[in-house]
Amino acid sequence: MDERDVRLLKAIADLGTGSPERLHDETGIPVSTIHYRLNNLRDAGVIENDVYDFDHETLGLGVTIIVEVLADYDGPYEEFADELLTVEGVTEAYFTMGETDFVVIARLSSSDTVERLISDFESIPEVERTNSTFTIATLRDEPRAPATYDLETLIEELTD
């Protein structure tokens, strides 16, 4: 990646769009060059998709629960993780080091559905214990990490 690629990725993160015209307005990079570079970034696996983001609160899934899962399982963690991922509402899951084996984030429609979520986790035989945190307010929910960096930092850290 070079500086132009990083500038494009930062603009995509900041604007929330891959529109070549809007990216041109933001970066000054010619539209034809933007098309070429976006295709290369897709081919390299840096850009994964053209997904529309949702506002979970407006959608009706504004209750966020963070669940720590302690488990006793045999075999690779990926096999056990597949069971965690079947629980409805799970939007993110992480295999972690330390006392906690997994951290799972779920988006739910109401506080009434929290009991169902925890019951679903605890019905998995390998789950020994869960520790749940009910979020009060979302301070940041940014799916595009470059939006949280200054452009200069990204250029310094990501360019060859």
N, C-alpha and C. Protein backbone atom coordinates (compact mmCIF):
# COMPACT_ATOMS: atom_id res chain seq x y z
N MET A 1 0.84 -1.17 0.00
CA MET A 1 0.00 0.00 0.00
C MET A 1 0.89 1.24 0.00
N ASP A 2 0.42 2.22 -0.71
CA ASP A 2 1.15 3.49 -0.70
C ASP A 2 0.26 4.58 -0.10
N GLU A 3 0.76 5.80 -0.12
CA GLU A 3 0.06 6.90 0.53
C GLU A 3 -1.32 7.15 -0.09
N ARG A 4 -1.45 7.00 -1.41
CA ARG A 4 -2.77 7.22 -2.05
C ARG A 4 -3.79 6.19 -1.56
N ASP A 5 -3.35 4.93 -1.44
CA ASP A 5 -4.26 3.89 -0.93
C ASP A 5 -4.73 4.23 0.48
N VAL A 6 -3.80 4.67 1.32
CA VAL A 6 -4.15 5.01 2.70
C VAL A 6 -5.09 6.21 2.72
N ARG A 7 -4.85 7.19 1.87
CA ARG A 7 -5.76 8.35 1.80
C ARG A 7 -7.17 7.92 1.38
N LEU A 8 -7.26 6.99 0.44
CA LEU A 8 -8.57 6.47 0.02
C LEU A 8 -9.26 5.74 1.17
N LEU A 9 -8.52 4.88 1.86
CA LEU A 9 -9.12 4.12 2.95
C LEU A 9 -9.59 5.04 4.08
N LYS A 10 -8.81 6.05 4.37
CA LYS A 10 -9.21 7.02 5.41
C LYS A 10 -10.47 7.77 4.98
N ALA A 11 -10.53 8.16 3.71
CA ALA A 11 -11.72 8.87 3.20
C ALA A 11 -12.95 7.97 3.24
N ILE A 12 -12.79 6.70 2.89
CA ILE A 12 -13.91 5.75 2.96
C ILE A 12 -14.39 5.64 4.39
N ALA A 13 -13.45 5.53 5.33
CA ALA A 13 -13.82 5.40 6.74
C ALA A 13 -14.52 6.66 7.24
N ASP A 14 -14.01 7.81 6.87
CA ASP A 14 -14.59 9.07 7.35
C ASP A 14 -15.95 9.36 6.73
N LEU A 15 -16.08 9.08 5.42
CA LEU A 15 -17.32 9.41 4.71
C LEU A 15 -18.37 8.31 4.81
N GLY A 16 -17.93 7.08 5.07
CA GLY A 16 -18.87 5.96 5.12
C GLY A 16 -19.38 5.56 3.76
N THR A 17 -18.58 5.83 2.72
CA THR A 17 -19.00 5.49 1.37
C THR A 17 -17.79 5.15 0.51
N GLY A 18 -18.04 4.37 -0.52
CA GLY A 18 -17.01 4.06 -1.50
C GLY A 18 -17.29 4.75 -2.82
N SER A 19 -18.16 5.74 -2.82
CA SER A 19 -18.51 6.46 -4.03
C SER A 19 -17.27 7.15 -4.60
N PRO A 20 -16.85 6.75 -5.81
CA PRO A 20 -15.66 7.37 -6.40
C PRO A 20 -15.76 8.89 -6.51
N GLU A 21 -16.94 9.40 -6.80
CA GLU A 21 -17.11 10.84 -6.93
C GLU A 21 -16.89 11.55 -5.58
N ARG A 22 -17.47 10.99 -4.52
CA ARG A 22 -17.29 11.58 -3.19
C ARG A 22 -15.85 11.43 -2.72
N LEU A 23 -15.23 10.29 -3.04
CA LEU A 23 -13.84 10.09 -2.66
C LEU A 23 -12.93 11.07 -3.40
N HIS A 24 -13.26 11.33 -4.67
CA HIS A 24 -12.50 12.33 -5.44
C HIS A 24 -12.62 13.70 -4.79
N ASP A 25 -13.85 14.09 -4.42
CA ASP A 25 -14.06 15.39 -3.77
C ASP A 25 -13.24 15.50 -2.48
N GLU A 26 -13.13 14.41 -1.75
CA GLU A 26 -12.43 14.41 -0.46
C GLU A 26 -10.91 14.39 -0.62
N THR A 27 -10.42 13.63 -1.61
CA THR A 27 -8.97 13.39 -1.72
C THR A 27 -8.29 14.12 -2.86
N GLY A 28 -9.06 14.49 -3.89
CA GLY A 28 -8.47 15.08 -5.07
C GLY A 28 -7.86 14.06 -6.02
N ILE A 29 -7.98 12.78 -5.70
CA ILE A 29 -7.47 11.71 -6.56
C ILE A 29 -8.45 11.55 -7.72
N PRO A 30 -7.95 11.44 -8.97
CA PRO A 30 -8.85 11.29 -10.12
C PRO A 30 -9.77 10.07 -9.98
N VAL A 31 -11.00 10.20 -10.46
CA VAL A 31 -12.00 9.13 -10.34
C VAL A 31 -11.51 7.84 -10.99
N SER A 32 -10.86 7.92 -12.15
CA SER A 32 -10.38 6.70 -12.81
C SER A 32 -9.33 6.00 -11.95
N THR A 33 -8.49 6.78 -11.28
CA THR A 33 -7.47 6.21 -10.39
C THR A 33 -8.14 5.58 -9.18
N ILE A 34 -9.19 6.21 -8.68
CA ILE A 34 -9.92 5.66 -7.54
C ILE A 34 -10.51 4.30 -7.90
N HIS A 35 -11.15 4.19 -9.06
CA HIS A 35 -11.70 2.90 -9.51
C HIS A 35 -10.60 1.83 -9.53
N TYR A 36 -9.47 2.15 -10.15
CA TYR A 36 -8.36 1.22 -10.28
C TYR A 36 -7.86 0.79 -8.89
N ARG A 37 -7.66 1.75 -8.00
CA ARG A 37 -7.12 1.44 -6.68
C ARG A 37 -8.14 0.67 -5.82
N LEU A 38 -9.40 1.00 -5.92
CA LEU A 38 -10.41 0.26 -5.16
C LEU A 38 -10.45 -1.20 -5.61
N ASN A 39 -10.35 -1.43 -6.91
CA ASN A 39 -10.31 -2.81 -7.41
C ASN A 39 -9.08 -3.54 -6.88
N ASN A 40 -7.93 -2.88 -6.87
CA ASN A 40 -6.72 -3.51 -6.34
C ASN A 40 -6.85 -3.80 -4.84
N LEU A 41 -7.45 -2.88 -4.10
CA LEU A 41 -7.64 -3.10 -2.66
C LEU A 41 -8.62 -4.24 -2.41
N ARG A 42 -9.63 -4.38 -3.26
CA ARG A 42 -10.56 -5.52 -3.14
C ARG A 42 -9.82 -6.82 -3.44
N ASP A 43 -9.04 -6.83 -4.53
CA ASP A 43 -8.29 -8.03 -4.90
C ASP A 43 -7.30 -8.44 -3.81
N ALA A 44 -6.73 -7.47 -3.11
CA ALA A 44 -5.78 -7.74 -2.04
C ALA A 44 -6.47 -8.15 -0.74
N GLY A 45 -7.81 -8.04 -0.69
CA GLY A 45 -8.57 -8.41 0.50
C GLY A 45 -8.65 -7.32 1.56
N VAL A 46 -8.15 -6.13 1.26
CA VAL A 46 -8.21 -5.02 2.22
C VAL A 46 -9.65 -4.52 2.33
N ILE A 47 -10.31 -4.38 1.20
CA ILE A 47 -11.73 -4.01 1.18
C ILE A 47 -12.50 -5.30 0.96
N GLU A 48 -13.41 -5.60 1.89
CA GLU A 48 -14.12 -6.88 1.84
C GLU A 48 -15.45 -6.83 1.13
N ASN A 49 -16.15 -5.68 1.20
CA ASN A 49 -17.50 -5.65 0.66
C ASN A 49 -17.98 -4.22 0.50
N ASP A 50 -19.19 -4.07 0.03
CA ASP A 50 -19.83 -2.76 -0.12
C ASP A 50 -21.10 -2.72 0.73
N VAL A 51 -20.98 -3.11 1.99
CA VAL A 51 -22.13 -3.26 2.88
C VAL A 51 -22.66 -1.90 3.33
N TYR A 52 -23.97 -1.83 3.46
CA TYR A 52 -24.61 -0.67 4.05
C TYR A 52 -24.58 -0.84 5.57
N ASP A 53 -24.19 0.17 6.31
CA ASP A 53 -24.18 0.11 7.76
C ASP A 53 -25.56 0.42 8.30
N PHE A 54 -25.87 -0.14 9.46
CA PHE A 54 -27.16 0.09 10.10
C PHE A 54 -26.98 0.91 11.37
N ASP A 55 -27.96 1.72 11.68
CA ASP A 55 -28.04 2.35 12.99
C ASP A 55 -28.89 1.40 13.82
N HIS A 56 -28.24 0.65 14.72
CA HIS A 56 -28.94 -0.41 15.44
C HIS A 56 -30.05 0.11 16.33
N GLU A 57 -29.87 1.29 16.92
CA GLU A 57 -30.93 1.85 17.76
C GLU A 57 -32.17 2.16 16.94
N THR A 58 -31.99 2.84 15.81
CA THR A 58 -33.12 3.17 14.95
C THR A 58 -33.79 1.91 14.42
N LEU A 59 -32.98 0.89 14.13
CA LEU A 59 -33.50 -0.39 13.64
C LEU A 59 -34.34 -1.11 14.69
N GLY A 60 -34.05 -0.85 15.98
CA GLY A 60 -34.77 -1.55 17.04
C GLY A 60 -33.91 -2.57 17.75
N LEU A 61 -32.60 -2.58 17.49
CA LEU A 61 -31.68 -3.49 18.16
C LEU A 61 -30.65 -2.68 18.94
N GLY A 62 -31.14 -1.78 19.78
CA GLY A 62 -30.28 -0.82 20.45
C GLY A 62 -29.75 -1.24 21.80
N VAL A 63 -30.10 -2.42 22.28
CA VAL A 63 -29.58 -2.89 23.56
C VAL A 63 -28.33 -3.71 23.28
N THR A 64 -27.19 -3.24 23.79
CA THR A 64 -25.92 -3.92 23.57
C THR A 64 -25.49 -4.62 24.86
N ILE A 65 -25.18 -5.89 24.74
CA ILE A 65 -24.74 -6.70 25.87
C ILE A 65 -23.35 -7.23 25.54
N ILE A 66 -22.44 -7.10 26.50
CA ILE A 66 -21.10 -7.65 26.37
C ILE A 66 -21.04 -8.84 27.33
N VAL A 67 -20.72 -10.02 26.80
CA VAL A 67 -20.74 -11.24 27.60
C VAL A 67 -19.35 -11.87 27.58
N GLU A 68 -18.82 -12.10 28.77
CA GLU A 68 -17.60 -12.88 28.91
C GLU A 68 -18.02 -14.33 29.10
N VAL A 69 -17.40 -15.24 28.35
CA VAL A 69 -17.76 -16.65 28.43
C VAL A 69 -16.55 -17.43 28.91
N LEU A 70 -16.71 -18.16 30.00
CA LEU A 70 -15.69 -19.08 30.49
C LEU A 70 -16.18 -20.47 30.16
N ALA A 71 -15.33 -21.25 29.52
CA ALA A 71 -15.78 -22.54 29.01
C ALA A 71 -14.73 -23.62 29.25
N ASP A 72 -15.18 -24.85 29.27
CA ASP A 72 -14.31 -26.02 29.34
C ASP A 72 -14.66 -26.89 28.15
N TYR A 73 -13.85 -26.83 27.13
CA TYR A 73 -14.16 -27.53 25.88
C TYR A 73 -12.95 -28.32 25.43
N ASP A 74 -13.21 -29.38 24.67
CA ASP A 74 -12.15 -30.18 24.08
C ASP A 74 -12.03 -29.80 22.61
N GLY A 75 -10.85 -29.96 22.07
CA GLY A 75 -10.67 -29.69 20.65
C GLY A 75 -10.36 -28.23 20.40
N PRO A 76 -10.28 -27.90 19.12
CA PRO A 76 -9.94 -26.52 18.74
C PRO A 76 -11.01 -25.52 19.19
N TYR A 77 -10.57 -24.33 19.56
CA TYR A 77 -11.51 -23.32 20.02
C TYR A 77 -12.51 -22.94 18.94
N GLU A 78 -12.12 -23.06 17.66
CA GLU A 78 -13.03 -22.69 16.57
C GLU A 78 -14.30 -23.54 16.57
N GLU A 79 -14.16 -24.82 16.91
CA GLU A 79 -15.34 -25.69 16.94
C GLU A 79 -16.31 -25.24 18.04
N PHE A 80 -15.77 -24.93 19.22
CA PHE A 80 -16.63 -24.44 20.30
C PHE A 80 -17.22 -23.08 19.94
N ALA A 81 -16.41 -22.23 19.35
CA ALA A 81 -16.87 -20.88 18.98
C ALA A 81 -18.06 -20.95 18.03
N ASP A 82 -18.07 -21.95 17.15
CA ASP A 82 -19.21 -22.11 16.24
C ASP A 82 -20.52 -22.22 17.01
N GLU A 83 -20.48 -22.87 18.17
CA GLU A 83 -21.70 -22.98 18.99
C GLU A 83 -22.12 -21.62 19.54
N LEU A 84 -21.14 -20.83 19.99
CA LEU A 84 -21.45 -19.50 20.50
C LEU A 84 -22.09 -18.64 19.42
N LEU A 85 -21.61 -18.79 18.19
CA LEU A 85 -22.09 -17.96 17.09
C LEU A 85 -23.50 -18.31 16.64
N THR A 86 -24.04 -19.43 17.11
CA THR A 86 -25.42 -19.79 16.75
C THR A 86 -26.45 -19.05 17.60
N VAL A 87 -26.00 -18.44 18.69
CA VAL A 87 -26.94 -17.72 19.57
C VAL A 87 -27.41 -16.46 18.85
N GLU A 88 -28.72 -16.31 18.74
CA GLU A 88 -29.30 -15.16 18.03
C GLU A 88 -28.93 -13.85 18.71
N GLY A 89 -28.54 -12.89 17.90
CA GLY A 89 -28.20 -11.57 18.39
C GLY A 89 -26.71 -11.33 18.49
N VAL A 90 -25.89 -12.39 18.43
CA VAL A 90 -24.44 -12.23 18.53
C VAL A 90 -23.93 -11.55 17.26
N THR A 91 -23.29 -10.40 17.44
CA THR A 91 -22.76 -9.66 16.29
C THR A 91 -21.24 -9.71 16.21
N GLU A 92 -20.59 -9.94 17.35
CA GLU A 92 -19.14 -10.03 17.39
C GLU A 92 -18.76 -11.09 18.41
N ALA A 93 -17.66 -11.80 18.16
CA ALA A 93 -17.16 -12.78 19.11
C ALA A 93 -15.64 -12.82 18.99
N TYR A 94 -14.99 -12.89 20.13
CA TYR A 94 -13.53 -12.87 20.18
C TYR A 94 -13.02 -13.98 21.08
N PHE A 95 -12.00 -14.70 20.64
CA PHE A 95 -11.27 -15.67 21.45
C PHE A 95 -10.18 -14.88 22.16
N THR A 96 -10.12 -14.96 23.48
CA THR A 96 -9.24 -14.09 24.24
C THR A 96 -8.26 -14.88 25.12
N MET A 97 -7.24 -14.20 25.57
CA MET A 97 -6.28 -14.76 26.51
C MET A 97 -6.66 -14.29 27.91
N GLY A 98 -6.23 -15.04 28.92
CA GLY A 98 -6.52 -14.66 30.29
C GLY A 98 -7.62 -15.52 30.87
N GLU A 99 -8.23 -15.02 31.92
CA GLU A 99 -9.26 -15.80 32.61
C GLU A 99 -10.50 -16.03 31.75
N THR A 100 -10.84 -15.07 30.94
CA THR A 100 -12.01 -15.17 30.06
C THR A 100 -11.60 -15.85 28.76
N ASP A 101 -12.39 -16.84 28.32
CA ASP A 101 -12.08 -17.55 27.08
C ASP A 101 -12.58 -16.82 25.85
N PHE A 102 -13.78 -16.26 25.94
CA PHE A 102 -14.40 -15.58 24.81
C PHE A 102 -15.09 -14.32 25.30
N VAL A 103 -15.11 -13.31 24.45
CA VAL A 103 -15.92 -12.12 24.68
C VAL A 103 -16.88 -12.03 23.50
N VAL A 104 -18.16 -11.90 23.82
CA VAL A 104 -19.20 -11.88 22.80
C VAL A 104 -20.00 -10.60 22.96
N ILE A 105 -20.31 -9.97 21.84
CA ILE A 105 -21.15 -8.78 21.86
C ILE A 105 -22.44 -9.12 21.12
N ALA A 106 -23.55 -8.75 21.74
CA ALA A 106 -24.85 -9.04 21.14
C ALA A 106 -25.67 -7.76 21.06
N ARG A 107 -26.48 -7.67 20.02
CA ARG A 107 -27.43 -6.55 19.84
C ARG A 107 -28.83 -7.13 20.00
N LEU A 108 -29.56 -6.56 20.95
CA LEU A 108 -30.88 -7.08 21.26
C LEU A 108 -31.93 -5.99 21.15
N SER A 109 -33.19 -6.43 21.07
CA SER A 109 -34.28 -5.48 20.89
C SER A 109 -34.74 -4.84 22.19
N SER A 110 -34.56 -5.54 23.32
CA SER A 110 -35.02 -4.99 24.59
C SER A 110 -34.30 -5.68 25.74
N SER A 111 -34.40 -5.09 26.92
CA SER A 111 -33.78 -5.71 28.09
C SER A 111 -34.44 -7.05 28.43
N ASP A 112 -35.68 -7.25 28.00
CA ASP A 112 -36.37 -8.51 28.24
C ASP A 112 -35.70 -9.68 27.52
N THR A 113 -35.01 -9.41 26.43
CA THR A 113 -34.39 -10.50 25.66
C THR A 113 -33.02 -10.90 26.19
N VAL A 114 -32.50 -10.16 27.18
CA VAL A 114 -31.20 -10.49 27.77
C VAL A 114 -31.26 -11.86 28.44
N GLU A 115 -32.33 -12.13 29.15
CA GLU A 115 -32.47 -13.43 29.82
C GLU A 115 -32.42 -14.57 28.80
N ARG A 116 -33.07 -14.40 27.67
CA ARG A 116 -33.02 -15.42 26.62
C ARG A 116 -31.60 -15.63 26.12
N LEU A 117 -30.89 -14.54 25.90
CA LEU A 117 -29.51 -14.62 25.41
C LEU A 117 -28.64 -15.40 26.39
N ILE A 118 -28.69 -15.05 27.66
CA ILE A 118 -27.86 -15.73 28.66
C ILE A 118 -28.26 -17.19 28.79
N SER A 119 -29.55 -17.48 28.75
CA SER A 119 -30.02 -18.87 28.80
C SER A 119 -29.49 -19.67 27.62
N ASP A 120 -29.48 -19.04 26.44
CA ASP A 120 -28.96 -19.72 25.26
C ASP A 120 -27.48 -20.06 25.43
N PHE A 121 -26.70 -19.12 25.97
CA PHE A 121 -25.28 -19.40 26.21
C PHE A 121 -25.12 -20.51 27.23
N GLU A 122 -25.86 -20.42 28.33
CA GLU A 122 -25.69 -21.39 29.40
C GLU A 122 -26.26 -22.76 29.06
N SER A 123 -27.04 -22.86 28.00
CA SER A 123 -27.52 -24.18 27.57
C SER A 123 -26.46 -24.94 26.77
N ILE A 124 -25.39 -24.28 26.41
CA ILE A 124 -24.27 -24.95 25.73
C ILE A 124 -23.49 -25.68 26.82
N PRO A 125 -23.38 -27.01 26.74
CA PRO A 125 -22.80 -27.79 27.83
C PRO A 125 -21.39 -27.36 28.26
N GLU A 126 -20.58 -26.90 27.35
CA GLU A 126 -19.20 -26.54 27.68
C GLU A 126 -19.07 -25.19 28.40
N VAL A 127 -20.13 -24.40 28.40
CA VAL A 127 -20.09 -23.10 29.06
C VAL A 127 -20.17 -23.31 30.57
N GLU A 128 -19.11 -22.88 31.27
CA GLU A 128 -19.09 -23.00 32.73
C GLU A 128 -19.76 -21.82 33.40
N ARG A 129 -19.49 -20.61 32.84
CA ARG A 129 -20.01 -19.41 33.48
C ARG A 129 -19.99 -18.27 32.48
N THR A 130 -20.91 -17.33 32.65
CA THR A 130 -20.91 -16.10 31.86
C THR A 130 -20.89 -14.91 32.81
N ASN A 131 -20.35 -13.82 32.32
CA ASN A 131 -20.37 -12.56 33.05
C ASN A 131 -20.85 -11.51 32.05
N SER A 132 -21.98 -10.91 32.31
CA SER A 132 -22.60 -10.02 31.34
C SER A 132 -22.54 -8.57 31.79
N THR A 133 -22.32 -7.70 30.83
CA THR A 133 -22.33 -6.27 31.07
C THR A 133 -23.36 -5.65 30.15
N PHE A 134 -24.28 -4.93 30.74
CA PHE A 134 -25.35 -4.25 30.02
C PHE A 134 -24.87 -2.83 29.75
N THR A 135 -24.73 -2.44 28.51
CA THR A 135 -24.24 -1.10 28.22
C THR A 135 -25.35 -0.08 28.44
N ILE A 136 -24.96 1.08 28.94
CA ILE A 136 -25.92 2.15 29.20
C ILE A 136 -26.01 3.09 28.01
N ALA A 137 -24.86 3.42 27.43
CA ALA A 137 -24.84 4.33 26.28
C ALA A 137 -23.70 3.92 25.36
N THR A 138 -23.93 4.05 24.08
CA THR A 138 -22.89 3.78 23.09
C THR A 138 -22.09 5.05 22.89
N LEU A 139 -20.81 5.00 23.21
CA LEU A 139 -19.95 6.15 23.06
C LEU A 139 -19.27 6.17 21.69
N ARG A 140 -18.97 4.99 21.16
CA ARG A 140 -18.43 4.87 19.81
C ARG A 140 -18.75 3.47 19.32
N ASP A 141 -19.23 3.39 18.10
CA ASP A 141 -19.49 2.12 17.44
C ASP A 141 -19.01 2.28 16.01
N GLU A 142 -17.71 2.29 15.83
CA GLU A 142 -17.10 2.58 14.53
C GLU A 142 -16.59 1.29 13.90
N PRO A 143 -17.25 0.82 12.85
CA PRO A 143 -16.80 -0.42 12.21
C PRO A 143 -15.56 -0.24 11.32
N ARG A 144 -15.18 1.00 11.06
CA ARG A 144 -14.03 1.26 10.19
C ARG A 144 -12.90 1.88 11.01
N ALA A 145 -11.94 1.06 11.41
CA ALA A 145 -10.85 1.50 12.29
C ALA A 145 -10.11 2.73 11.77
N PRO A 146 -9.86 2.88 10.47
CA PRO A 146 -9.12 4.08 10.03
C PRO A 146 -9.78 5.40 10.42
N ALA A 147 -11.06 5.40 10.65
CA ALA A 147 -11.75 6.63 11.04
C ALA A 147 -11.30 7.12 12.41
N THR A 148 -10.67 6.25 13.20
CA THR A 148 -10.24 6.62 14.54
C THR A 148 -8.79 7.09 14.59
N TYR A 149 -8.16 7.19 13.44
CA TYR A 149 -6.75 7.61 13.34
C TYR A 149 -6.64 8.93 12.59
N ASP A 150 -5.55 9.66 12.86
CA ASP A 150 -5.18 10.80 12.01
C ASP A 150 -4.58 10.24 10.73
N LEU A 151 -4.79 10.93 9.62
CA LEU A 151 -4.26 10.49 8.34
C LEU A 151 -2.74 10.32 8.40
N GLU A 152 -2.04 11.23 9.04
CA GLU A 152 -0.58 11.16 9.11
C GLU A 152 -0.12 9.88 9.82
N THR A 153 -0.82 9.50 10.87
CA THR A 153 -0.47 8.28 11.60
C THR A 153 -0.66 7.07 10.71
N LEU A 154 -1.76 7.02 9.99
CA LEU A 154 -2.02 5.90 9.09
C LEU A 154 -0.96 5.81 8.01
N ILE A 155 -0.61 6.92 7.41
CA ILE A 155 0.41 6.92 6.37
C ILE A 155 1.73 6.40 6.93
N GLU A 156 2.10 6.86 8.11
CA GLU A 156 3.35 6.44 8.74
C GLU A 156 3.34 4.94 9.06
N GLU A 157 2.22 4.43 9.56
CA GLU A 157 2.17 3.06 10.02
C GLU A 157 1.87 2.03 8.92
N LEU A 158 1.20 2.45 7.85
CA LEU A 158 0.71 1.47 6.88
C LEU A 158 1.39 1.48 5.52
N THR A 159 2.12 2.53 5.20
CA THR A 159 2.76 2.56 3.88
C THR A 159 4.09 1.86 3.91
N ASP A 160 4.45 1.36 2.74
CA ASP A 160 5.73 0.63 2.60
C ASP A 160 6.92 1.54 2.67
